[in-house]
Amino acid sequence: MTFEQFQATLLNNAPDAGLPPTLFALWWDAKGDWAKAHVAVDELETQDGMAVHAYLHRKEGDDWNADYWYQRSGRKFRRPTLQAEWDALVRGLLVP
């Protein structure tokens, strides 16, 4: 799936079946359901999962918690804007 194809799925009422939890979370985040997005990655102990978790807490405005998850992910992934970070996360997660 390309980035553009992923974005096109945002017109649907539910995400495509089989999305990994990280993309599932970012899909729900883009649809405005932060809680559903957070549940998808809350206990995901992978670098990608922790990076998405960090982004979600940053979006929530909880910078301390976001910094904790950025550190756990082993990355300094923060982008200048939330949209730029969302785009970069989705693009990175779609790479085969």
PDB file of N, CA and C in Angstrom:
ATOM      1  N   MET A   1       0.845  -1.175   0.000  1.00  0.00           N
ATOM      2  CA  MET A   1       0.000   0.000   0.000  1.00  0.00           C
ATOM      3  C   MET A   1       0.890   1.238   0.000  1.00  0.00           C
ATOM      4  N   THR A   2       0.524   2.201  -0.792  1.00  0.00           N
ATOM      5  CA  THR A   2       1.259   3.459  -0.827  1.00  0.00           C
ATOM      6  C   THR A   2       0.669   4.432   0.208  1.00  0.00           C
ATOM      7  N   PHE A   3       1.399   5.501   0.436  1.00  0.00           N
ATOM      8  CA  PHE A   3       0.926   6.539   1.342  1.00  0.00           C
ATOM      9  C   PHE A   3      -0.412   7.097   0.856  1.00  0.00           C
ATOM     10  N   GLU A   4      -0.498   7.344  -0.439  1.00  0.00           N
ATOM     11  CA  GLU A   4      -1.727   7.894  -1.015  1.00  0.00           C
ATOM     12  C   GLU A   4      -2.888   6.917  -0.867  1.00  0.00           C
ATOM     13  N   GLN A   5      -2.630   5.627  -1.044  1.00  0.00           N
ATOM     14  CA  GLN A   5      -3.678   4.622  -0.874  1.00  0.00           C
ATOM     15  C   GLN A   5      -4.127   4.571   0.588  1.00  0.00           C
ATOM     16  N   PHE A   6      -3.171   4.666   1.492  1.00  0.00           N
ATOM     17  CA  PHE A   6      -3.514   4.681   2.915  1.00  0.00           C
ATOM     18  C   PHE A   6      -4.394   5.893   3.217  1.00  0.00           C
ATOM     19  N   GLN A   7      -4.009   7.044   2.717  1.00  0.00           N
ATOM     20  CA  GLN A   7      -4.809   8.251   2.945  1.00  0.00           C
ATOM     21  C   GLN A   7      -6.214   8.096   2.374  1.00  0.00           C
ATOM     22  N   ALA A   8      -6.344   7.450   1.228  1.00  0.00           N
ATOM     23  CA  ALA A   8      -7.655   7.248   0.606  1.00  0.00           C
ATOM     24  C   ALA A   8      -8.562   6.396   1.488  1.00  0.00           C
ATOM     25  N   THR A   9      -7.978   5.487   2.272  1.00  0.00           N
ATOM     26  CA  THR A   9      -8.804   4.651   3.149  1.00  0.00           C
ATOM     27  C   THR A   9      -9.444   5.461   4.269  1.00  0.00           C
ATOM     28  N   LEU A  10      -8.951   6.665   4.496  1.00  0.00           N
ATOM     29  CA  LEU A  10      -9.525   7.511   5.543  1.00  0.00           C
ATOM     30  C   LEU A  10     -10.947   7.960   5.195  1.00  0.00           C
ATOM     31  N   LEU A  11     -11.357   7.748   3.957  1.00  0.00           N
ATOM     32  CA  LEU A  11     -12.733   8.048   3.564  1.00  0.00           C
ATOM     33  C   LEU A  11     -13.692   6.941   4.019  1.00  0.00           C
ATOM     34  N   ASN A  12     -13.136   5.802   4.403  1.00  0.00           N
ATOM     35  CA  ASN A  12     -13.947   4.674   4.862  1.00  0.00           C
ATOM     36  C   ASN A  12     -14.352   4.867   6.320  1.00  0.00           C
ATOM     37  N   ASN A  13     -15.311   4.053   6.759  1.00  0.00           N
ATOM     38  CA  ASN A  13     -15.771   4.119   8.150  1.00  0.00           C
ATOM     39  C   ASN A  13     -14.911   3.299   9.102  1.00  0.00           C
ATOM     40  N   ALA A  14     -14.108   2.401   8.546  1.00  0.00           N
ATOM     41  CA  ALA A  14     -13.241   1.547   9.365  1.00  0.00           C
ATOM     42  C   ALA A  14     -11.953   1.303   8.593  1.00  0.00           C
ATOM     43  N   PRO A  15     -10.880   1.018   9.304  1.00  0.00           N
ATOM     44  CA  PRO A  15      -9.600   0.754   8.620  1.00  0.00           C
ATOM     45  C   PRO A  15      -9.650  -0.591   7.887  1.00  0.00           C
ATOM     46  N   ASP A  16      -8.766  -0.746   6.921  1.00  0.00           N
ATOM     47  CA  ASP A  16      -8.661  -2.009   6.206  1.00  0.00           C
ATOM     48  C   ASP A  16      -8.294  -3.120   7.174  1.00  0.00           C
ATOM     49  N   ALA A  17      -8.852  -4.278   6.946  1.00  0.00           N
ATOM     50  CA  ALA A  17      -8.514  -5.448   7.762  1.00  0.00           C
ATOM     51  C   ALA A  17      -7.049  -5.785   7.548  1.00  0.00           C
ATOM     52  N   GLY A  18      -6.418  -6.229   8.588  1.00  0.00           N
ATOM     53  CA  GLY A  18      -5.036  -6.665   8.479  1.00  0.00           C
ATOM     54  C   GLY A  18      -3.980  -5.597   8.648  1.00  0.00           C
ATOM     55  N   LEU A  19      -4.386  -4.372   8.936  1.00  0.00           N
ATOM     56  CA  LEU A  19      -3.374  -3.341   9.202  1.00  0.00           C
ATOM     57  C   LEU A  19      -2.621  -3.705  10.474  1.00  0.00           C
ATOM     58  N   PRO A  20      -1.303  -3.486  10.487  1.00  0.00           N
ATOM     59  CA  PRO A  20      -0.591  -3.702  11.752  1.00  0.00           C
ATOM     60  C   PRO A  20      -1.064  -2.670  12.785  1.00  0.00           C
ATOM     61  N   PRO A  21      -0.884  -2.972  14.062  1.00  0.00           N
ATOM     62  CA  PRO A  21      -1.386  -2.075  15.117  1.00  0.00           C
ATOM     63  C   PRO A  21      -0.907  -0.629  14.978  1.00  0.00           C
ATOM     64  N   THR A  22       0.308  -0.430  14.512  1.00  0.00           N
ATOM     65  CA  THR A  22       0.833   0.934  14.389  1.00  0.00           C
ATOM     66  C   THR A  22       0.043   1.740  13.353  1.00  0.00           C
ATOM     67  N   LEU A  23      -0.205   1.135  12.192  1.00  0.00           N
ATOM     68  CA  LEU A  23      -0.973   1.834  11.157  1.00  0.00           C
ATOM     69  C   LEU A  23      -2.448   1.928  11.532  1.00  0.00           C
ATOM     70  N   PHE A  24      -2.954   0.917  12.221  1.00  0.00           N
ATOM     71  CA  PHE A  24      -4.312   0.954  12.744  1.00  0.00           C
ATOM     72  C   PHE A  24      -4.461   2.171  13.657  1.00  0.00           C
ATOM     73  N   ALA A  25      -3.479   2.374  14.535  1.00  0.00           N
ATOM     74  CA  ALA A  25      -3.507   3.509  15.461  1.00  0.00           C
ATOM     75  C   ALA A  25      -3.459   4.836  14.713  1.00  0.00           C
ATOM     76  N   LEU A  26      -2.582   4.940  13.746  1.00  0.00           N
ATOM     77  CA  LEU A  26      -2.469   6.196  12.996  1.00  0.00           C
ATOM     78  C   LEU A  26      -3.714   6.456  12.148  1.00  0.00           C
ATOM     79  N   TRP A  27      -4.358   5.394  11.672  1.00  0.00           N
ATOM     80  CA  TRP A  27      -5.610   5.542  10.922  1.00  0.00           C
ATOM     81  C   TRP A  27      -6.670   6.149  11.840  1.00  0.00           C
ATOM     82  N   TRP A  28      -6.834   5.569  13.046  1.00  0.00           N
ATOM     83  CA  TRP A  28      -7.842   6.102  13.969  1.00  0.00           C
ATOM     84  C   TRP A  28      -7.487   7.508  14.440  1.00  0.00           C
ATOM     85  N   ASP A  29      -6.214   7.786  14.613  1.00  0.00           N
ATOM     86  CA  ASP A  29      -5.804   9.134  14.980  1.00  0.00           C
ATOM     87  C   ASP A  29      -6.236  10.131  13.905  1.00  0.00           C
ATOM     88  N   ALA A  30      -6.010   9.777  12.652  1.00  0.00           N
ATOM     89  CA  ALA A  30      -6.397  10.670  11.555  1.00  0.00           C
ATOM     90  C   ALA A  30      -7.909  10.864  11.492  1.00  0.00           C
ATOM     91  N   LYS A  31      -8.652   9.888  11.967  1.00  0.00           N
ATOM     92  CA  LYS A  31     -10.118   9.987  11.980  1.00  0.00           C
ATOM     93  C   LYS A  31     -10.624  10.728  13.223  1.00  0.00           C
ATOM     94  N   GLY A  32      -9.694  11.119  14.104  1.00  0.00           N
ATOM     95  CA  GLY A  32     -10.082  11.900  15.277  1.00  0.00           C
ATOM     96  C   GLY A  32     -10.406  11.084  16.511  1.00  0.00           C
ATOM     97  N   ASP A  33     -10.068   9.791  16.496  1.00  0.00           N
ATOM     98  CA  ASP A  33     -10.348   8.952  17.668  1.00  0.00           C
ATOM     99  C   ASP A  33      -9.033   8.620  18.374  1.00  0.00           C
ATOM    100  N   TRP A  34      -8.547   9.575  19.174  1.00  0.00           N
ATOM    101  CA  TRP A  34      -7.275   9.410  19.880  1.00  0.00           C
ATOM    102  C   TRP A  34      -7.310   8.197  20.803  1.00  0.00           C
ATOM    103  N   ALA A  35      -8.413   7.991  21.497  1.00  0.00           N
ATOM    104  CA  ALA A  35      -8.509   6.889  22.461  1.00  0.00           C
ATOM    105  C   ALA A  35      -8.349   5.539  21.774  1.00  0.00           C
ATOM    106  N   LYS A  36      -9.012   5.342  20.662  1.00  0.00           N
ATOM    107  CA  LYS A  36      -8.901   4.079  19.938  1.00  0.00           C
ATOM    108  C   LYS A  36      -7.486   3.901  19.405  1.00  0.00           C
ATOM    109  N   ALA A  37      -6.883   4.982  18.960  1.00  0.00           N
ATOM    110  CA  ALA A  37      -5.498   4.934  18.479  1.00  0.00           C
ATOM    111  C   ALA A  37      -4.558   4.535  19.606  1.00  0.00           C
ATOM    112  N   HIS A  38      -4.753   5.132  20.766  1.00  0.00           N
ATOM    113  CA  HIS A  38      -3.879   4.860  21.906  1.00  0.00           C
ATOM    114  C   HIS A  38      -3.979   3.406  22.366  1.00  0.00           C
ATOM    115  N   VAL A  39      -5.186   2.873  22.409  1.00  0.00           N
ATOM    116  CA  VAL A  39      -5.370   1.476  22.821  1.00  0.00           C
ATOM    117  C   VAL A  39      -4.580   0.535  21.917  1.00  0.00           C
ATOM    118  N   ALA A  40      -4.499   0.860  20.638  1.00  0.00           N
ATOM    119  CA  ALA A  40      -3.815  -0.012  19.676  1.00  0.00           C
ATOM    120  C   ALA A  40      -2.320  -0.146  19.950  1.00  0.00           C
ATOM    121  N   VAL A  41      -1.721   0.888  20.544  1.00  0.00           N
ATOM    122  CA  VAL A  41      -0.265   0.851  20.767  1.00  0.00           C
ATOM    123  C   VAL A  41       0.123   0.911  22.243  1.00  0.00           C
ATOM    124  N   ASP A  42      -0.840   0.978  23.119  1.00  0.00           N
ATOM    125  CA  ASP A  42      -0.564   1.176  24.537  1.00  0.00           C
ATOM    126  C   ASP A  42       0.373   0.124  25.120  1.00  0.00           C
ATOM    127  N   GLU A  43       0.247  -1.099  24.696  1.00  0.00           N
ATOM    128  CA  GLU A  43       1.094  -2.155  25.237  1.00  0.00           C
ATOM    129  C   GLU A  43       1.998  -2.768  24.171  1.00  0.00           C
ATOM    130  N   LEU A  44       2.207  -2.064  23.084  1.00  0.00           N
ATOM    131  CA  LEU A  44       3.036  -2.556  21.990  1.00  0.00           C
ATOM    132  C   LEU A  44       4.498  -2.242  22.285  1.00  0.00           C
ATOM    133  N   GLU A  45       5.286  -3.243  22.525  1.00  0.00           N
ATOM    134  CA  GLU A  45       6.679  -3.080  22.948  1.00  0.00           C
ATOM    135  C   GLU A  45       7.656  -3.220  21.777  1.00  0.00           C
ATOM    136  N   THR A  46       7.363  -2.534  20.675  1.00  0.00           N
ATOM    137  CA  THR A  46       8.283  -2.498  19.533  1.00  0.00           C
ATOM    138  C   THR A  46       8.735  -1.057  19.349  1.00  0.00           C
ATOM    139  N   GLN A  47       9.843  -0.861  18.654  1.00  0.00           N
ATOM    140  CA  GLN A  47      10.309   0.512  18.408  1.00  0.00           C
ATOM    141  C   GLN A  47       9.256   1.318  17.663  1.00  0.00           C
ATOM    142  N   ASP A  48       8.654   0.712  16.641  1.00  0.00           N
ATOM    143  CA  ASP A  48       7.627   1.429  15.889  1.00  0.00           C
ATOM    144  C   ASP A  48       6.420   1.747  16.761  1.00  0.00           C
ATOM    145  N   GLY A  49       6.013   0.778  17.555  1.00  0.00           N
ATOM    146  CA  GLY A  49       4.867   0.996  18.439  1.00  0.00           C
ATOM    147  C   GLY A  49       5.123   2.096  19.444  1.00  0.00           C
ATOM    148  N   MET A  50       6.322   2.122  19.993  1.00  0.00           N
ATOM    149  CA  MET A  50       6.657   3.164  20.973  1.00  0.00           C
ATOM    150  C   MET A  50       6.784   4.536  20.305  1.00  0.00           C
ATOM    151  N   ALA A  51       7.224   4.570  19.043  1.00  0.00           N
ATOM    152  CA  ALA A  51       7.300   5.848  18.321  1.00  0.00           C
ATOM    153  C   ALA A  51       5.905   6.409  18.072  1.00  0.00           C
ATOM    154  N   VAL A  52       4.963   5.543  17.684  1.00  0.00           N
ATOM    155  CA  VAL A  52       3.578   5.986  17.481  1.00  0.00           C
ATOM    156  C   VAL A  52       2.977   6.399  18.824  1.00  0.00           C
ATOM    157  N   HIS A  53       3.268   5.647  19.864  1.00  0.00           N
ATOM    158  CA  HIS A  53       2.793   5.971  21.214  1.00  0.00           C
ATOM    159  C   HIS A  53       3.291   7.362  21.623  1.00  0.00           C
ATOM    160  N   ALA A  54       4.556   7.640  21.352  1.00  0.00           N
ATOM    161  CA  ALA A  54       5.135   8.957  21.663  1.00  0.00           C
ATOM    162  C   ALA A  54       4.397  10.058  20.916  1.00  0.00           C
ATOM    163  N   TYR A  55       4.189   9.842  19.620  1.00  0.00           N
ATOM    164  CA  TYR A  55       3.466  10.829  18.801  1.00  0.00           C
ATOM    165  C   TYR A  55       2.085  11.110  19.387  1.00  0.00           C
ATOM    166  N   LEU A  56       1.376  10.056  19.776  1.00  0.00           N
ATOM    167  CA  LEU A  56       0.022  10.237  20.304  1.00  0.00           C
ATOM    168  C   LEU A  56       0.029  11.059  21.594  1.00  0.00           C
ATOM    169  N   HIS A  57       1.007  10.815  22.464  1.00  0.00           N
ATOM    170  CA  HIS A  57       1.073  11.615  23.698  1.00  0.00           C
ATOM    171  C   HIS A  57       1.497  13.051  23.402  1.00  0.00           C
ATOM    172  N   ARG A  58       2.334  13.227  22.405  1.00  0.00           N
ATOM    173  CA  ARG A  58       2.681  14.596  21.997  1.00  0.00           C
ATOM    174  C   ARG A  58       1.433  15.313  21.512  1.00  0.00           C
ATOM    175  N   LYS A  59       0.640  14.623  20.693  1.00  0.00           N
ATOM    176  CA  LYS A  59      -0.587  15.229  20.177  1.00  0.00           C
ATOM    177  C   LYS A  59      -1.551  15.557  21.314  1.00  0.00           C
ATOM    178  N   GLU A  60      -1.573  14.706  22.319  1.00  0.00           N
ATOM    179  CA  GLU A  60      -2.431  14.912  23.486  1.00  0.00           C
ATOM    180  C   GLU A  60      -1.991  16.132  24.294  1.00  0.00           C
ATOM    181  N   GLY A  61      -0.716  16.528  24.116  1.00  0.00           N
ATOM    182  CA  GLY A  61      -0.180  17.657  24.875  1.00  0.00           C
ATOM    183  C   GLY A  61       0.562  17.225  26.121  1.00  0.00           C
ATOM    184  N   ASP A  62       0.794  15.937  26.261  1.00  0.00           N
ATOM    185  CA  ASP A  62       1.491  15.384  27.417  1.00  0.00           C
ATOM    186  C   ASP A  62       2.969  15.195  27.046  1.00  0.00           C
ATOM    187  N   ASP A  63       3.717  16.284  27.052  1.00  0.00           N
ATOM    188  CA  ASP A  63       5.102  16.254  26.585  1.00  0.00           C
ATOM    189  C   ASP A  63       6.002  15.351  27.410  1.00  0.00           C
ATOM    190  N   TRP A  64       5.800  15.305  28.726  1.00  0.00           N
ATOM    191  CA  TRP A  64       6.628  14.443  29.563  1.00  0.00           C
ATOM    192  C   TRP A  64       6.459  12.986  29.146  1.00  0.00           C
ATOM    193  N   ASN A  65       5.219  12.561  28.979  1.00  0.00           N
ATOM    194  CA  ASN A  65       4.934  11.186  28.583  1.00  0.00           C
ATOM    195  C   ASN A  65       5.435  10.925  27.161  1.00  0.00           C
ATOM    196  N   ALA A  66       5.261  11.884  26.280  1.00  0.00           N
ATOM    197  CA  ALA A  66       5.767  11.741  24.905  1.00  0.00           C
ATOM    198  C   ALA A  66       7.280  11.549  24.925  1.00  0.00           C
ATOM    199  N   ASP A  67       7.986  12.368  25.688  1.00  0.00           N
ATOM    200  CA  ASP A  67       9.445  12.242  25.757  1.00  0.00           C
ATOM    201  C   ASP A  67       9.864  10.872  26.284  1.00  0.00           C
ATOM    202  N   TYR A  68       9.124  10.362  27.247  1.00  0.00           N
ATOM    203  CA  TYR A  68       9.398   9.024  27.787  1.00  0.00           C
ATOM    204  C   TYR A  68       9.301   7.978  26.679  1.00  0.00           C
ATOM    205  N   TRP A  69       8.248   8.047  25.860  1.00  0.00           N
ATOM    206  CA  TRP A  69       8.058   7.059  24.798  1.00  0.00           C
ATOM    207  C   TRP A  69       9.033   7.272  23.648  1.00  0.00           C
ATOM    208  N   TYR A  70       9.380   8.526  23.354  1.00  0.00           N
ATOM    209  CA  TYR A  70      10.424   8.760  22.338  1.00  0.00           C
ATOM    210  C   TYR A  70      11.725   8.099  22.789  1.00  0.00           C
ATOM    211  N   GLN A  71      12.066   8.279  24.061  1.00  0.00           N
ATOM    212  CA  GLN A  71      13.303   7.693  24.583  1.00  0.00           C
ATOM    213  C   GLN A  71      13.235   6.171  24.512  1.00  0.00           C
ATOM    214  N   ARG A  72      12.128   5.578  24.909  1.00  0.00           N
ATOM    215  CA  ARG A  72      11.982   4.121  24.857  1.00  0.00           C
ATOM    216  C   ARG A  72      12.052   3.598  23.426  1.00  0.00           C
ATOM    217  N   SER A  73      11.591   4.393  22.466  1.00  0.00           N
ATOM    218  CA  SER A  73      11.615   3.941  21.072  1.00  0.00           C
ATOM    219  C   SER A  73      13.036   3.942  20.512  1.00  0.00           C
ATOM    220  N   GLY A  74      13.950   4.630  21.219  1.00  0.00           N
ATOM    221  CA  GLY A  74      15.332   4.703  20.754  1.00  0.00           C
ATOM    222  C   GLY A  74      15.525   5.686  19.623  1.00  0.00           C
ATOM    223  N   ARG A  75      14.543   6.551  19.430  1.00  0.00           N
ATOM    224  CA  ARG A  75      14.610   7.519  18.330  1.00  0.00           C
ATOM    225  C   ARG A  75      14.243   8.909  18.830  1.00  0.00           C
ATOM    226  N   LYS A  76      14.761   9.875  18.114  1.00  0.00           N
ATOM    227  CA  LYS A  76      14.307  11.246  18.312  1.00  0.00           C
ATOM    228  C   LYS A  76      13.519  11.578  17.053  1.00  0.00           C
ATOM    229  N   PHE A  77      12.268  11.173  17.048  1.00  0.00           N
ATOM    230  CA  PHE A  77      11.462  11.212  15.837  1.00  0.00           C
ATOM    231  C   PHE A  77      10.653  12.479  15.688  1.00  0.00           C
ATOM    232  N   ARG A  78      10.587  13.262  16.715  1.00  0.00           N
ATOM    233  CA  ARG A  78       9.740  14.461  16.709  1.00  0.00           C
ATOM    234  C   ARG A  78       9.998  15.329  15.480  1.00  0.00           C
ATOM    235  N   ARG A  79       8.931  15.675  14.797  1.00  0.00           N
ATOM    236  CA  ARG A  79       8.990  16.545  13.618  1.00  0.00           C
ATOM    237  C   ARG A  79       8.448  17.927  14.000  1.00  0.00           C
ATOM    238  N   PRO A  80       8.712  18.940  13.167  1.00  0.00           N
ATOM    239  CA  PRO A  80       8.276  20.303  13.513  1.00  0.00           C
ATOM    240  C   PRO A  80       6.763  20.427  13.746  1.00  0.00           C
ATOM    241  N   THR A  81       5.964  19.663  12.995  1.00  0.00           N
ATOM    242  CA  THR A  81       4.511  19.716  13.181  1.00  0.00           C
ATOM    243  C   THR A  81       3.981  18.306  13.416  1.00  0.00           C
ATOM    244  N   LEU A  82       2.822  18.231  14.028  1.00  0.00           N
ATOM    245  CA  LEU A  82       2.187  16.930  14.227  1.00  0.00           C
ATOM    246  C   LEU A  82       1.869  16.271  12.888  1.00  0.00           C
ATOM    247  N   GLN A  83       1.397  17.059  11.924  1.00  0.00           N
ATOM    248  CA  GLN A  83       1.077  16.479  10.617  1.00  0.00           C
ATOM    249  C   GLN A  83       2.321  15.925   9.934  1.00  0.00           C
ATOM    250  N   ALA A  84       3.432  16.632  10.033  1.00  0.00           N
ATOM    251  CA  ALA A  84       4.681  16.140   9.440  1.00  0.00           C
ATOM    252  C   ALA A  84       5.121  14.848  10.110  1.00  0.00           C
ATOM    253  N   GLU A  85       4.926  14.755  11.419  1.00  0.00           N
ATOM    254  CA  GLU A  85       5.295  13.536  12.125  1.00  0.00           C
ATOM    255  C   GLU A  85       4.375  12.383  11.738  1.00  0.00           C
ATOM    256  N   TRP A  86       3.064  12.649  11.657  1.00  0.00           N
ATOM    257  CA  TRP A  86       2.116  11.618  11.233  1.00  0.00           C
ATOM    258  C   TRP A  86       2.485  11.105   9.849  1.00  0.00           C
ATOM    259  N   ASP A  87       2.737  12.028   8.919  1.00  0.00           N
ATOM    260  CA  ASP A  87       3.119  11.636   7.551  1.00  0.00           C
ATOM    261  C   ASP A  87       4.379  10.769   7.555  1.00  0.00           C
ATOM    262  N   ALA A  88       5.389  11.193   8.305  1.00  0.00           N
ATOM    263  CA  ALA A  88       6.657  10.455   8.343  1.00  0.00           C
ATOM    264  C   ALA A  88       6.467   9.067   8.963  1.00  0.00           C
ATOM    265  N   LEU A  89       5.662   8.983  10.005  1.00  0.00           N
ATOM    266  CA  LEU A  89       5.399   7.683  10.617  1.00  0.00           C
ATOM    267  C   LEU A  89       4.695   6.755   9.635  1.00  0.00           C
ATOM    268  N   VAL A  90       3.644   7.248   9.008  1.00  0.00           N
ATOM    269  CA  VAL A  90       2.900   6.410   8.053  1.00  0.00           C
ATOM    270  C   VAL A  90       3.814   5.982   6.917  1.00  0.00           C
ATOM    271  N   ARG A  91       4.526   6.916   6.336  1.00  0.00           N
ATOM    272  CA  ARG A  91       5.435   6.569   5.221  1.00  0.00           C
ATOM    273  C   ARG A  91       6.462   5.519   5.639  1.00  0.00           C
ATOM    274  N   GLY A  92       7.022   5.691   6.821  1.00  0.00           N
ATOM    275  CA  GLY A  92       8.022   4.749   7.309  1.00  0.00           C
ATOM    276  C   GLY A  92       7.448   3.362   7.583  1.00  0.00           C
ATOM    277  N   LEU A  93       6.222   3.332   8.062  1.00  0.00           N
ATOM    278  CA  LEU A  93       5.581   2.055   8.384  1.00  0.00           C
ATOM    279  C   LEU A  93       5.072   1.330   7.142  1.00  0.00           C
ATOM    280  N   LEU A  94       4.857   2.059   6.070  1.00  0.00           N
ATOM    281  CA  LEU A  94       4.393   1.442   4.822  1.00  0.00           C
ATOM    282  C   LEU A  94       5.520   0.871   3.982  1.00  0.00           C
ATOM    283  N   VAL A  95       6.748   1.221   4.305  1.00  0.00           N
ATOM    284  CA  VAL A  95       7.892   0.713   3.553  1.00  0.00           C
ATOM    285  C   VAL A  95       7.991  -0.790   3.785  1.00  0.00           C
ATOM    286  N   PRO A  96       8.037  -1.564   2.682  1.00  0.00           N
ATOM    287  CA  PRO A  96       8.089  -3.029   2.848  1.00  0.00           C
ATOM    288  C   PRO A  96       9.412  -3.504   3.442  1.00  0.00           C
TER     289      PRO A  96
END
